[in-house]
Amino acid sequence: MDANGGTAAPRRISAFDTTLRDGEQAPGNAMTADQKLEVALAFQSLGVDVIETG
Protein backbone atom coordinates (compact mmCIF):
# COMPACT_ATOMS: atom_id res chain seq x y z
CA MET A 1 0.00 0.00 0.00
CA ASP A 2 1.15 3.52 -0.69
CA ALA A 3 0.68 6.55 1.55
CA ASN A 4 -2.78 7.17 0.08
CA GLY A 5 -4.05 3.66 0.78
CA GLY A 6 -3.69 2.49 -2.83
CA THR A 7 -1.48 -0.20 -4.24
CA ALA A 8 1.97 1.11 -5.05
CA ALA A 9 3.40 0.39 -8.48
CA PRO A 10 6.32 -2.04 -8.41
CA ARG A 11 9.69 -0.35 -8.35
CA ARG A 12 11.91 -0.82 -11.36
CA ILE A 13 15.63 -0.83 -10.84
CA SER A 14 17.92 -0.12 -13.78
CA ALA A 15 21.47 -1.40 -13.88
CA PHE A 16 23.90 -0.63 -16.66
CA ASP A 17 26.72 -3.13 -16.88
CA THR A 18 29.23 -3.27 -19.69
CA THR A 19 31.15 -6.33 -18.49
CA LEU A 20 30.57 -8.23 -21.72
CA ARG A 21 31.48 -5.23 -23.86
CA ASP A 22 34.16 -3.24 -22.05
CA GLY A 23 35.42 -6.01 -19.79
CA GLU A 24 37.76 -7.28 -22.44
CA GLN A 25 39.28 -3.88 -23.11
CA ALA A 26 41.55 -4.20 -20.06
CA PRO A 27 44.71 -6.22 -20.69
CA GLY A 28 44.52 -9.79 -19.39
CA ASN A 29 40.75 -9.86 -18.99
CA ALA A 30 39.69 -11.89 -22.01
CA MET A 31 36.73 -14.24 -21.52
CA THR A 32 35.93 -17.36 -23.46
CA ALA A 33 32.57 -17.69 -25.21
CA ASP A 34 31.45 -20.09 -22.45
CA GLN A 35 32.38 -17.55 -19.75
CA LYS A 36 30.47 -14.80 -21.56
CA LEU A 37 27.43 -17.06 -21.81
CA GLU A 38 27.68 -17.84 -18.09
CA VAL A 39 27.69 -14.11 -17.26
CA ALA A 40 24.77 -13.43 -19.63
CA LEU A 41 22.73 -16.27 -18.12
CA ALA A 42 23.46 -14.98 -14.61
CA PHE A 43 22.18 -11.54 -15.64
CA GLN A 44 19.09 -13.16 -17.13
CA SER A 45 18.40 -15.06 -13.90
CA LEU A 46 18.47 -11.72 -12.07
CA GLY A 47 15.81 -10.35 -14.40
CA VAL A 48 18.06 -8.13 -16.50
CA ASP A 49 16.17 -7.45 -19.70
CA VAL A 50 18.95 -5.72 -21.68
CA ILE A 51 22.56 -6.86 -21.86
CA GLU A 52 25.05 -4.77 -23.82
CA THR A 53 27.62 -6.90 -25.57
CA GLY A 54 30.36 -6.08 -28.03
C-alpha atoms as a PDB file:
ATOM      1  CA  MET A   1       0.000   0.000   0.000  1.00  0.00           C
ATOM      2  CA  ASP A   2       1.152   3.515  -0.694  1.00  0.00           C
ATOM      3  CA  ALA A   3       0.682   6.551   1.555  1.00  0.00           C
ATOM      4  CA  ASN A   4      -2.776   7.172   0.077  1.00  0.00           C
ATOM      5  CA  GLY A   5      -4.053   3.661   0.776  1.00  0.00           C
ATOM      6  CA  GLY A   6      -3.694   2.491  -2.830  1.00  0.00           C
ATOM      7  CA  THR A   7      -1.477  -0.200  -4.238  1.00  0.00           C
ATOM      8  CA  ALA A   8       1.969   1.112  -5.053  1.00  0.00           C
ATOM      9  CA  ALA A   9       3.398   0.392  -8.477  1.00  0.00           C
ATOM     10  CA  PRO A  10       6.316  -2.043  -8.405  1.00  0.00           C
ATOM     11  CA  ARG A  11       9.688  -0.354  -8.351  1.00  0.00           C
ATOM     12  CA  ARG A  12      11.908  -0.816 -11.356  1.00  0.00           C
ATOM     13  CA  ILE A  13      15.635  -0.831 -10.845  1.00  0.00           C
ATOM     14  CA  SER A  14      17.917  -0.119 -13.784  1.00  0.00           C
ATOM     15  CA  ALA A  15      21.473  -1.395 -13.884  1.00  0.00           C
ATOM     16  CA  PHE A  16      23.903  -0.625 -16.655  1.00  0.00           C
ATOM     17  CA  ASP A  17      26.716  -3.134 -16.876  1.00  0.00           C
ATOM     18  CA  THR A  18      29.226  -3.272 -19.690  1.00  0.00           C
ATOM     19  CA  THR A  19      31.153  -6.330 -18.491  1.00  0.00           C
ATOM     20  CA  LEU A  20      30.570  -8.229 -21.716  1.00  0.00           C
ATOM     21  CA  ARG A  21      31.478  -5.227 -23.863  1.00  0.00           C
ATOM     22  CA  ASP A  22      34.164  -3.239 -22.055  1.00  0.00           C
ATOM     23  CA  GLY A  23      35.417  -6.007 -19.790  1.00  0.00           C
ATOM     24  CA  GLU A  24      37.756  -7.279 -22.444  1.00  0.00           C
ATOM     25  CA  GLN A  25      39.279  -3.882 -23.106  1.00  0.00           C
ATOM     26  CA  ALA A  26      41.549  -4.195 -20.063  1.00  0.00           C
ATOM     27  CA  PRO A  27      44.706  -6.224 -20.686  1.00  0.00           C
ATOM     28  CA  GLY A  28      44.524  -9.789 -19.389  1.00  0.00           C
ATOM     29  CA  ASN A  29      40.751  -9.863 -18.994  1.00  0.00           C
ATOM     30  CA  ALA A  30      39.692 -11.894 -22.013  1.00  0.00           C
ATOM     31  CA  MET A  31      36.731 -14.240 -21.519  1.00  0.00           C
ATOM     32  CA  THR A  32      35.926 -17.360 -23.463  1.00  0.00           C
ATOM     33  CA  ALA A  33      32.571 -17.690 -25.213  1.00  0.00           C
ATOM     34  CA  ASP A  34      31.452 -20.087 -22.454  1.00  0.00           C
ATOM     35  CA  GLN A  35      32.378 -17.549 -19.748  1.00  0.00           C
ATOM     36  CA  LYS A  36      30.469 -14.798 -21.557  1.00  0.00           C
ATOM     37  CA  LEU A  37      27.435 -17.059 -21.808  1.00  0.00           C
ATOM     38  CA  GLU A  38      27.678 -17.836 -18.088  1.00  0.00           C
ATOM     39  CA  VAL A  39      27.687 -14.109 -17.261  1.00  0.00           C
ATOM     40  CA  ALA A  40      24.768 -13.433 -19.625  1.00  0.00           C
ATOM     41  CA  LEU A  41      22.725 -16.274 -18.116  1.00  0.00           C
ATOM     42  CA  ALA A  42      23.464 -14.984 -14.607  1.00  0.00           C
ATOM     43  CA  PHE A  43      22.184 -11.541 -15.636  1.00  0.00           C
ATOM     44  CA  GLN A  44      19.087 -13.164 -17.131  1.00  0.00           C
ATOM     45  CA  SER A  45      18.396 -15.063 -13.896  1.00  0.00           C
ATOM     46  CA  LEU A  46      18.474 -11.719 -12.066  1.00  0.00           C
ATOM     47  CA  GLY A  47      15.806 -10.355 -14.404  1.00  0.00           C
ATOM     48  CA  VAL A  48      18.061  -8.131 -16.496  1.00  0.00           C
ATOM     49  CA  ASP A  49      16.171  -7.447 -19.701  1.00  0.00           C
ATOM     50  CA  VAL A  50      18.949  -5.716 -21.679  1.00  0.00           C
ATOM     51  CA  ILE A  51      22.560  -6.860 -21.861  1.00  0.00           C
ATOM     52  CA  GLU A  52      25.053  -4.770 -23.816  1.00  0.00           C
ATOM     53  CA  THR A  53      27.625  -6.900 -25.571  1.00  0.00           C
ATOM     54  CA  GLY A  54      30.361  -6.078 -28.029  1.00  0.00           C
END
